[in-house]
Amino acid sequence: MSVMYFKQFKDSHGNRNVISLFSGAMGLDIGLEKAGLNIKVCQDIDTDCAKTIAANRHNVICGDITKIEAHTLLEKSQLKRGEAFLVCGGPPCQPFSTAGKRLGINDPRGSLFMDFRRVIDYIRPRFFIMENVKGLLSSAVKHVPISERGLGYNPSKEEQPGSVFHVVKEQLESMGYKIIYGLLDAVNYGVPQFRERLVILGSRDNEDIFLPMPTHFQLHQNLGYRWKILRDTIEDLELNPGLCAKFSQDRVNFLNLVPEGGNWRNLPSHLVKVAMGGAYESGGGKAGFFRRLSYDQPSPTLVTSPIQKASMLCHPRQTRPLSIKEYARIQQFDDNWKFEGTINSIYKQIGNAVPVGLGMALGQALLATANGDSMVNTKRTRGTDIHNKIRNALVASDYE
């Protein structure tokens, strides 16, 4: 379709409509709405996620993205090709077999990523956001048998660390989109949680997109700009946490010996081997074993269950896991947000979500680009070097 066809939508300042894929419990989408965008339709294969989306009065298509035509998403959102402001989502990059051809174990060309790309290429939104695990940057496409190698296969490129991301980047750029990418930690955007995610932004019209600058810092003279901690987030729920999973009694017995902010290393030495079991001889820091959180720090990354042995999320003072409501607070869902499904499903929905604050920062960055007001232009050159150094230092520390 012609550039002029898309221009009529680009110049419509009231058009801030979004199509969301792999929406889950809508953490990213809520953040985008808080920034000023309009979620027209969501999609997820998980029926509990779809029920959660519907319970909160949002339009949803429940189904397998591989079986959903892109024009169906447009029809459901009442948008035309080129009209959507944004398509967003976090496609799982696990591989699967398709068309009788089994691709390499980590090959994104055999994953749901390609359906994410397919939808973008058809809908042609002004922007896209793709978020994923940081491991995508370092993963290698595993060995592909000779019989299954296609034309242009180059093992020197395909099987090197980072080759998965190389394929993803190449596929996204092949649609004609300008892209930027980087690792963002949610704690730097007012989220009371350390959570690193790979974020890729794309611009159809070669606009000056940028990753959102941090708004919160470990060290800052103004309390309002410091990292958010658990005390301010969940302390009021300590004695009335609501729905909550349970630790087994043996884990409770060990956790009772761990102080706030501690883990297995704080257990009496004669109990450590018993508590750790087979993990005692394994390598790594094992920081999640018998971990009790601290009110005076941000939370570690929330996982899909707070009771797993290697990634426990025990309350700072109560010997219990974080509750559903505490999980939701840490991910910045409003207390009135409705979650559907079993307790295990709800933990999973919240644990898999993009924190609302990070979603809002991403939406604000795209709006600043679209509105053309992301930078203060100045003729002054004397004395600006220090400002450039600060900006470059932030970019280097947060995005590389």
Protein backbone atom coordinates (compact mmCIF):
# COMPACT_ATOMS: atom_id res chain seq x y z
CA MET A 1 0.00 0.00 0.00
CA SER A 2 1.25 3.51 -0.75
CA VAL A 3 2.89 5.86 1.73
CA MET A 4 0.18 8.43 0.97
CA TYR A 5 -2.48 5.92 2.00
CA PHE A 6 -0.88 5.56 5.42
CA LYS A 7 -0.28 9.32 5.74
CA GLN A 8 -3.96 10.06 6.25
CA PHE A 9 -3.87 7.88 9.37
CA LYS A 10 -0.53 9.23 10.57
CA ASP A 11 -1.81 12.80 10.39
CA SER A 12 -4.94 11.94 12.41
CA HIS A 13 -3.85 13.10 15.88
CA GLY A 14 -6.90 11.56 17.52
CA ASN A 15 -6.03 8.06 16.30
CA ARG A 16 -4.25 6.26 19.13
CA ASN A 17 -5.78 2.82 18.62
CA VAL A 18 -3.98 -0.37 19.65
CA ILE A 19 -4.29 -4.05 18.74
CA SER A 20 -2.83 -6.24 21.49
CA LEU A 21 -1.58 -9.81 20.92
CA PHE A 22 -0.63 -12.38 23.58
CA SER A 23 -2.38 -10.01 25.97
CA GLY A 24 -2.44 -12.18 29.11
CA ALA A 25 -3.87 -10.25 32.06
CA MET A 26 -3.29 -6.93 30.20
CA GLY A 27 -0.41 -5.47 32.23
CA LEU A 28 1.19 -3.90 29.17
CA ASP A 29 -2.19 -2.77 27.86
CA ILE A 30 -3.21 -1.07 31.11
CA GLY A 31 0.06 0.85 31.03
CA LEU A 32 -0.53 1.90 27.44
CA GLU A 33 -4.02 3.09 28.36
CA LYS A 34 -2.63 5.09 31.28
CA ALA A 35 -0.30 6.76 28.77
CA GLY A 36 -3.28 7.79 26.65
CA LEU A 37 -3.67 4.99 24.09
CA ASN A 38 -6.86 3.09 23.29
CA ILE A 39 -6.89 -0.73 23.35
CA LYS A 40 -9.35 -1.77 20.63
CA VAL A 41 -8.95 -5.54 20.82
CA CYS A 42 -6.91 -8.13 22.73
CA GLN A 43 -5.98 -11.70 21.83
CA ASP A 44 -4.87 -14.68 23.89
CA ILE A 45 -5.06 -18.44 23.56
CA ASP A 46 -5.50 -19.00 27.31
CA THR A 47 -9.19 -19.16 28.24
CA ASP A 48 -8.60 -17.81 31.76
CA CYS A 49 -6.72 -14.82 30.34
CA ALA A 50 -9.56 -14.20 27.90
CA LYS A 51 -12.06 -14.36 30.77
CA THR A 52 -9.94 -11.90 32.76
CA ILE A 53 -9.88 -9.50 29.80
CA ALA A 54 -13.64 -9.81 29.27
CA ALA A 55 -14.35 -9.42 33.01
CA ASN A 56 -12.62 -6.04 32.84
CA ARG A 57 -14.79 -4.97 29.90
CA HIS A 58 -12.27 -5.20 27.11
CA ASN A 59 -12.79 -6.63 23.65
CA VAL A 60 -11.05 -10.02 23.28
CA ILE A 61 -10.50 -12.78 20.74
CA CYS A 62 -9.78 -16.06 22.50
CA GLY A 63 -7.88 -18.33 20.16
CA ASP A 64 -4.63 -19.62 18.71
CA ILE A 65 -2.83 -16.81 16.87
CA THR A 66 -1.68 -19.30 14.23
CA LYS A 67 -5.32 -19.80 13.28
CA ILE A 68 -6.44 -16.17 13.46
CA GLU A 69 -6.36 -14.17 10.26
CA ALA A 70 -5.01 -10.63 10.51
CA HIS A 71 -8.11 -9.23 8.81
CA THR A 72 -10.20 -10.74 11.62
CA LEU A 73 -8.28 -8.62 14.12
CA LEU A 74 -8.96 -5.54 11.99
CA GLU A 75 -12.65 -6.34 11.72
CA LYS A 76 -12.93 -6.89 15.47
CA SER A 77 -11.14 -3.59 16.15
CA GLN A 78 -13.09 -1.73 13.42
CA LEU A 79 -9.86 -0.46 11.90
CA LYS A 80 -8.45 -0.43 8.37
CA ARG A 81 -5.03 -1.49 7.16
CA GLY A 82 -2.50 1.18 8.09
CA GLU A 83 -4.87 2.82 10.57
CA ALA A 84 -3.74 1.20 13.84
CA PHE A 85 -1.41 3.38 15.89
CA LEU A 86 0.23 0.33 17.49
CA VAL A 87 0.38 -3.46 17.53
CA CYS A 88 1.95 -4.83 20.69
CA GLY A 89 2.70 -8.17 22.29
CA GLY A 90 5.22 -10.63 23.63
CA PRO A 91 5.24 -13.71 21.38
CA PRO A 92 6.66 -16.79 23.09
CA CYS A 93 9.76 -17.86 21.18
CA GLN A 94 9.50 -21.57 21.87
CA PRO A 95 9.70 -23.53 18.62
CA PHE A 96 7.10 -25.75 17.04
CA SER A 97 6.85 -27.80 13.87
CA THR A 98 4.99 -26.41 10.89
CA ALA A 99 4.23 -27.52 7.33
CA GLY A 100 6.04 -30.78 7.91
CA LYS A 101 9.38 -29.08 8.34
CA ARG A 102 11.00 -29.24 11.77
CA LEU A 103 13.20 -26.21 12.37
CA GLY A 104 16.05 -25.86 14.84
CA ILE A 105 15.27 -26.07 18.55
CA ASN A 106 15.63 -22.33 19.11
CA ASP A 107 14.77 -21.09 15.65
CA PRO A 108 12.32 -18.16 15.89
CA ARG A 109 11.27 -18.85 12.29
CA GLY A 110 9.47 -21.90 13.70
CA SER A 111 7.81 -20.03 16.56
CA LEU A 112 4.86 -17.78 17.32
CA PHE A 113 7.14 -14.84 16.59
CA MET A 114 6.45 -15.37 12.90
CA ASP A 115 2.71 -14.98 13.47
CA PHE A 116 3.39 -11.76 15.36
CA ARG A 117 5.36 -10.61 12.32
CA ARG A 118 2.61 -11.81 9.96
CA VAL A 119 -0.03 -9.73 11.75
CA ILE A 120 2.15 -6.60 11.76
CA ASP A 121 3.00 -6.98 8.08
CA TYR A 122 -0.68 -7.18 7.15
CA ILE A 123 -2.10 -4.57 9.54
CA ARG A 124 0.80 -2.12 8.97
CA PRO A 125 0.48 -0.18 12.25
CA ARG A 126 2.39 3.07 12.65
CA PHE A 127 4.37 1.49 15.50
CA PHE A 128 4.87 -1.90 17.12
CA ILE A 129 6.14 -3.03 20.51
CA MET A 130 7.57 -6.49 20.96
CA GLU A 131 8.71 -7.51 24.43
CA ASN A 132 10.44 -10.74 25.42
CA VAL A 133 12.90 -12.41 27.76
CA LYS A 134 16.42 -11.01 27.84
CA GLY A 135 17.80 -14.46 26.95
CA LEU A 136 16.68 -13.83 23.39
CA LEU A 137 19.73 -11.58 22.97
CA SER A 138 22.23 -14.35 23.73
CA SER A 139 20.48 -17.52 22.52
CA ALA A 140 21.84 -19.47 19.58
CA VAL A 141 19.87 -21.26 16.93
CA LYS A 142 20.67 -24.88 17.66
CA HIS A 143 22.10 -27.25 15.06
CA VAL A 144 19.80 -27.93 12.14
CA PRO A 145 20.26 -31.32 10.42
CA ILE A 146 21.69 -31.11 6.90
CA SER A 147 18.51 -32.63 5.47
CA GLU A 148 16.46 -29.75 6.91
CA ARG A 149 18.69 -26.81 5.99
CA GLY A 150 17.20 -24.39 3.50
CA LEU A 151 18.84 -22.18 0.91
CA GLY A 152 21.09 -19.56 2.43
CA TYR A 153 21.68 -21.51 5.65
CA ASN A 154 24.99 -20.36 7.13
CA PRO A 155 26.07 -22.30 10.26
CA SER A 156 28.73 -19.69 11.04
CA LYS A 157 25.88 -17.21 11.63
CA GLU A 158 22.96 -19.46 12.51
CA GLU A 159 24.55 -21.34 15.43
CA GLN A 160 26.42 -18.54 17.20
CA PRO A 161 25.35 -16.91 20.51
CA GLY A 162 22.92 -14.13 19.68
CA SER A 163 21.86 -15.72 16.41
CA VAL A 164 18.23 -16.04 17.58
CA PHE A 165 18.00 -12.28 18.02
CA HIS A 166 19.80 -11.77 14.70
CA VAL A 167 17.00 -13.69 12.99
CA VAL A 168 14.30 -11.79 14.88
CA LYS A 169 15.85 -8.43 14.01
CA GLU A 170 16.30 -9.41 10.37
CA GLN A 171 12.68 -10.55 10.08
CA LEU A 172 11.30 -7.38 11.63
CA GLU A 173 13.43 -5.12 9.47
CA SER A 174 12.42 -7.04 6.34
CA MET A 175 8.92 -5.54 6.70
CA GLY A 176 10.39 -2.08 6.13
CA TYR A 177 10.18 -1.00 9.75
CA LYS A 178 12.88 1.01 11.49
CA ILE A 179 13.62 -0.71 14.81
CA ILE A 180 15.41 0.05 18.06
CA TYR A 181 15.84 -2.31 20.99
CA GLY A 182 17.30 -2.66 24.46
CA LEU A 183 17.01 -4.24 27.88
CA LEU A 184 14.77 -2.28 30.21
CA ASP A 185 14.48 -2.91 33.95
CA ALA A 186 11.00 -2.12 35.27
CA VAL A 187 12.42 -0.83 38.56
CA ASN A 188 13.72 2.21 36.66
CA TYR A 189 10.16 3.16 35.68
CA GLY A 190 8.51 3.33 39.11
CA VAL A 191 7.75 -0.40 39.41
CA PRO A 192 8.55 -1.92 42.85
CA GLN A 193 10.25 -4.89 41.21
CA PHE A 194 13.48 -5.81 39.45
CA ARG A 195 12.31 -7.15 36.10
CA GLU A 196 14.46 -7.03 32.96
CA ARG A 197 12.78 -7.39 29.59
CA LEU A 198 13.99 -7.08 26.03
CA VAL A 199 11.93 -4.42 24.28
CA ILE A 200 11.88 -3.84 20.52
CA LEU A 201 10.13 -0.79 19.09
CA GLY A 202 9.34 -0.42 15.40
CA SER A 203 8.34 2.56 13.25
CA ARG A 204 6.66 2.11 9.88
CA ASP A 205 7.41 5.68 8.79
CA ASN A 206 11.04 5.91 9.90
CA GLU A 207 10.18 8.22 12.79
CA ASP A 208 12.66 9.05 15.56
CA ILE A 209 11.52 6.41 18.04
CA PHE A 210 13.44 5.99 21.27
CA LEU A 211 13.39 3.75 24.32
CA PRO A 212 11.87 5.51 27.34
CA MET A 213 14.34 7.26 29.59
CA PRO A 214 14.42 6.05 33.23
CA THR A 215 12.22 7.96 35.65
CA HIS A 216 13.33 6.32 38.94
CA PHE A 217 16.80 5.73 40.37
CA GLN A 218 18.53 3.88 43.17
CA LEU A 219 20.19 7.12 44.24
CA HIS A 220 18.28 10.38 44.04
CA GLN A 221 17.95 13.46 46.22
CA ASN A 222 14.15 13.49 45.71
CA LEU A 223 12.24 10.65 47.37
CA GLY A 224 9.67 10.66 44.58
CA TYR A 225 12.31 9.66 42.03
CA ARG A 226 13.89 6.81 44.00
CA TRP A 227 13.15 3.15 43.37
CA LYS A 228 9.82 2.02 44.81
CA ILE A 229 10.07 -0.52 47.64
CA LEU A 230 7.78 -3.21 49.02
CA ARG A 231 7.00 -1.35 52.23
CA ASP A 232 5.10 1.33 50.33
CA THR A 233 3.48 -1.25 48.05
CA ILE A 234 2.16 -4.12 50.18
CA GLU A 235 2.72 -3.42 53.90
CA ASP A 236 -0.94 -2.51 54.44
CA LEU A 237 -1.92 -6.02 53.28
CA GLU A 238 0.29 -7.85 55.78
CA LEU A 239 -2.49 -9.05 58.07
CA ASN A 240 -5.24 -9.15 55.45
CA PRO A 241 -3.60 -10.54 52.30
CA GLY A 242 -6.59 -12.22 50.72
CA LEU A 243 -6.29 -15.31 48.51
CA CYS A 244 -2.89 -16.92 49.01
CA ALA A 245 -1.00 -20.11 48.16
CA LYS A 246 0.65 -22.19 50.91
CA PHE A 247 4.13 -23.47 51.61
CA SER A 248 4.53 -27.08 52.70
CA GLN A 249 5.13 -27.50 56.43
CA ASP A 250 8.78 -28.48 56.03
CA ARG A 251 9.42 -25.28 54.04
CA VAL A 252 7.59 -23.24 56.68
CA ASN A 253 9.86 -24.75 59.34
CA PHE A 254 12.99 -23.67 57.46
CA LEU A 255 11.62 -20.24 56.45
CA ASN A 256 10.86 -19.47 60.11
CA LEU A 257 14.64 -19.44 60.62
CA VAL A 258 15.32 -16.97 57.79
CA PRO A 259 15.38 -13.24 58.62
CA GLU A 260 13.82 -10.51 56.47
CA GLY A 261 15.86 -10.10 53.29
CA GLY A 262 17.62 -13.45 53.80
CA ASN A 263 17.65 -16.85 52.10
CA TRP A 264 19.08 -20.36 52.52
CA ARG A 265 22.50 -18.95 53.44
CA ASN A 266 20.99 -17.66 56.68
CA LEU A 267 19.91 -21.11 57.85
CA PRO A 268 21.88 -22.76 60.67
CA SER A 269 24.85 -24.53 59.09
CA HIS A 270 23.77 -27.98 60.25
CA LEU A 271 20.41 -27.59 58.46
CA VAL A 272 21.56 -26.17 55.14
CA LYS A 273 22.26 -29.48 53.40
CA VAL A 274 18.99 -30.98 54.62
CA ALA A 275 17.00 -27.95 53.47
CA MET A 276 18.65 -27.69 50.06
CA GLY A 277 18.59 -31.38 49.17
CA GLY A 278 20.06 -32.13 45.74
CA ALA A 279 20.49 -28.41 45.02
CA TYR A 280 23.18 -28.20 47.71
CA GLU A 281 25.82 -29.58 45.33
CA SER A 282 24.70 -27.59 42.30
CA GLY A 283 26.40 -24.44 41.07
CA GLY A 284 25.12 -20.90 40.93
CA GLY A 285 24.10 -18.49 43.65
CA LYS A 286 20.74 -20.18 44.32
CA ALA A 287 19.42 -16.88 45.71
CA GLY A 288 15.79 -17.95 45.37
CA PHE A 289 16.00 -20.92 47.74
CA PHE A 290 14.20 -20.17 51.03
CA ARG A 291 14.10 -16.50 50.09
CA ARG A 292 12.32 -14.07 52.40
CA LEU A 293 11.76 -10.65 50.87
CA SER A 294 12.67 -7.29 52.37
CA TYR A 295 10.23 -4.43 52.87
CA ASP A 296 13.05 -1.97 52.21
CA GLN A 297 13.89 -3.21 48.72
CA PRO A 298 12.05 -3.69 45.44
CA SER A 299 10.76 -7.22 44.88
CA PRO A 300 12.75 -9.75 42.86
CA THR A 301 11.17 -10.66 39.53
CA LEU A 302 7.75 -12.21 40.12
CA VAL A 303 7.51 -15.73 38.72
CA THR A 304 4.44 -17.74 37.80
CA SER A 305 4.28 -19.37 41.25
CA PRO A 306 5.68 -18.01 44.54
CA ILE A 307 6.11 -21.43 46.18
CA GLN A 308 8.62 -23.14 43.91
CA LYS A 309 11.74 -24.27 45.78
CA ALA A 310 14.27 -22.43 43.59
CA SER A 311 12.27 -19.19 43.33
CA MET A 312 10.42 -18.75 46.61
CA LEU A 313 8.76 -15.42 47.29
CA CYS A 314 8.11 -15.45 51.03
CA HIS A 315 6.52 -12.41 52.65
CA PRO A 316 8.99 -10.16 54.52
CA ARG A 317 7.46 -10.85 57.96
CA GLN A 318 4.76 -13.48 57.60
CA THR A 319 5.83 -17.04 56.86
CA ARG A 320 3.67 -17.39 53.76
CA PRO A 321 4.04 -16.70 50.05
CA LEU A 322 3.07 -13.37 48.58
CA SER A 323 -0.69 -13.35 48.09
CA ILE A 324 -2.61 -12.78 44.87
CA LYS A 325 -3.36 -9.19 45.88
CA GLU A 326 0.30 -8.55 46.79
CA TYR A 327 1.40 -10.03 43.47
CA ALA A 328 -1.02 -7.73 41.66
CA ARG A 329 0.13 -4.66 43.63
CA ILE A 330 3.78 -5.35 42.73
CA GLN A 331 2.82 -5.59 39.05
CA GLN A 332 0.80 -2.38 39.56
CA PHE A 333 -2.66 -3.72 38.78
CA ASP A 334 -5.39 -1.71 40.49
CA ASP A 335 -6.99 -3.44 43.47
CA ASN A 336 -10.31 -3.58 41.61
CA TRP A 337 -8.86 -5.42 38.58
CA LYS A 338 -10.67 -8.74 38.20
CA PHE A 339 -8.77 -11.99 37.62
CA GLU A 340 -10.53 -15.14 36.45
CA GLY A 341 -9.47 -18.77 36.96
CA THR A 342 -7.95 -20.95 39.65
CA ILE A 343 -5.46 -19.57 42.15
CA ASN A 344 -2.62 -21.19 40.19
CA SER A 345 -3.87 -19.64 36.96
CA ILE A 346 -4.14 -16.20 38.52
CA TYR A 347 -0.59 -16.34 39.90
CA LYS A 348 0.56 -17.32 36.42
CA GLN A 349 -1.38 -14.52 34.73
CA ILE A 350 0.07 -11.90 37.06
CA GLY A 351 3.58 -13.37 37.04
CA ASN A 352 3.68 -13.35 33.24
CA ALA A 353 2.43 -9.77 32.92
CA VAL A 354 4.43 -6.75 31.84
CA PRO A 355 4.41 -4.31 34.80
CA VAL A 356 1.95 -1.48 34.27
CA GLY A 357 4.58 1.23 34.88
CA LEU A 358 6.84 -0.13 32.15
CA GLY A 359 3.91 -0.30 29.73
CA MET A 360 3.01 3.30 30.52
CA ALA A 361 6.59 4.48 29.89
CA LEU A 362 6.63 2.71 26.52
CA GLY A 363 3.32 4.31 25.56
CA GLN A 364 4.54 7.74 26.61
CA ALA A 365 7.70 7.34 24.52
CA LEU A 366 5.70 6.49 21.39
CA LEU A 367 3.27 9.34 21.99
CA ALA A 368 6.16 11.77 22.45
CA THR A 369 7.50 10.64 19.08
CA ALA A 370 4.08 10.89 17.42
CA ASN A 371 3.43 14.33 18.91
CA GLY A 372 6.89 15.57 17.97
CA ASP A 373 7.59 16.93 21.45
CA SER A 374 10.09 14.40 22.84
CA MET A 375 13.01 16.82 22.91
CA VAL A 376 13.64 20.43 23.84
CA ASN A 377 15.54 21.90 20.91
CA THR A 378 18.04 24.59 21.75
CA LYS A 379 20.59 26.71 19.94
CA ARG A 380 22.84 26.73 22.96
CA THR A 381 26.05 24.71 22.60
CA ARG A 382 28.20 26.07 25.44
CA GLY A 383 27.76 24.02 28.61
CA THR A 384 25.65 21.27 27.03
CA ASP A 385 28.41 18.67 27.15
CA ILE A 386 27.57 17.68 30.72
CA HIS A 387 23.94 17.06 29.77
CA ASN A 388 24.97 14.84 26.87
CA LYS A 389 27.26 12.88 29.18
CA ILE A 390 24.41 12.27 31.64
CA ARG A 391 22.05 11.22 28.85
CA ASN A 392 24.62 8.89 27.29
CA ALA A 393 25.46 7.36 30.65
CA LEU A 394 21.79 6.56 31.26
CA VAL A 395 21.45 5.02 27.83
CA ALA A 396 24.59 2.93 28.27
CA SER A 397 23.62 1.65 31.72
CA ASP A 398 20.00 0.80 30.96
CA TYR A 399 19.85 -0.22 27.33
CA GLU A 400 23.06 -2.09 26.56
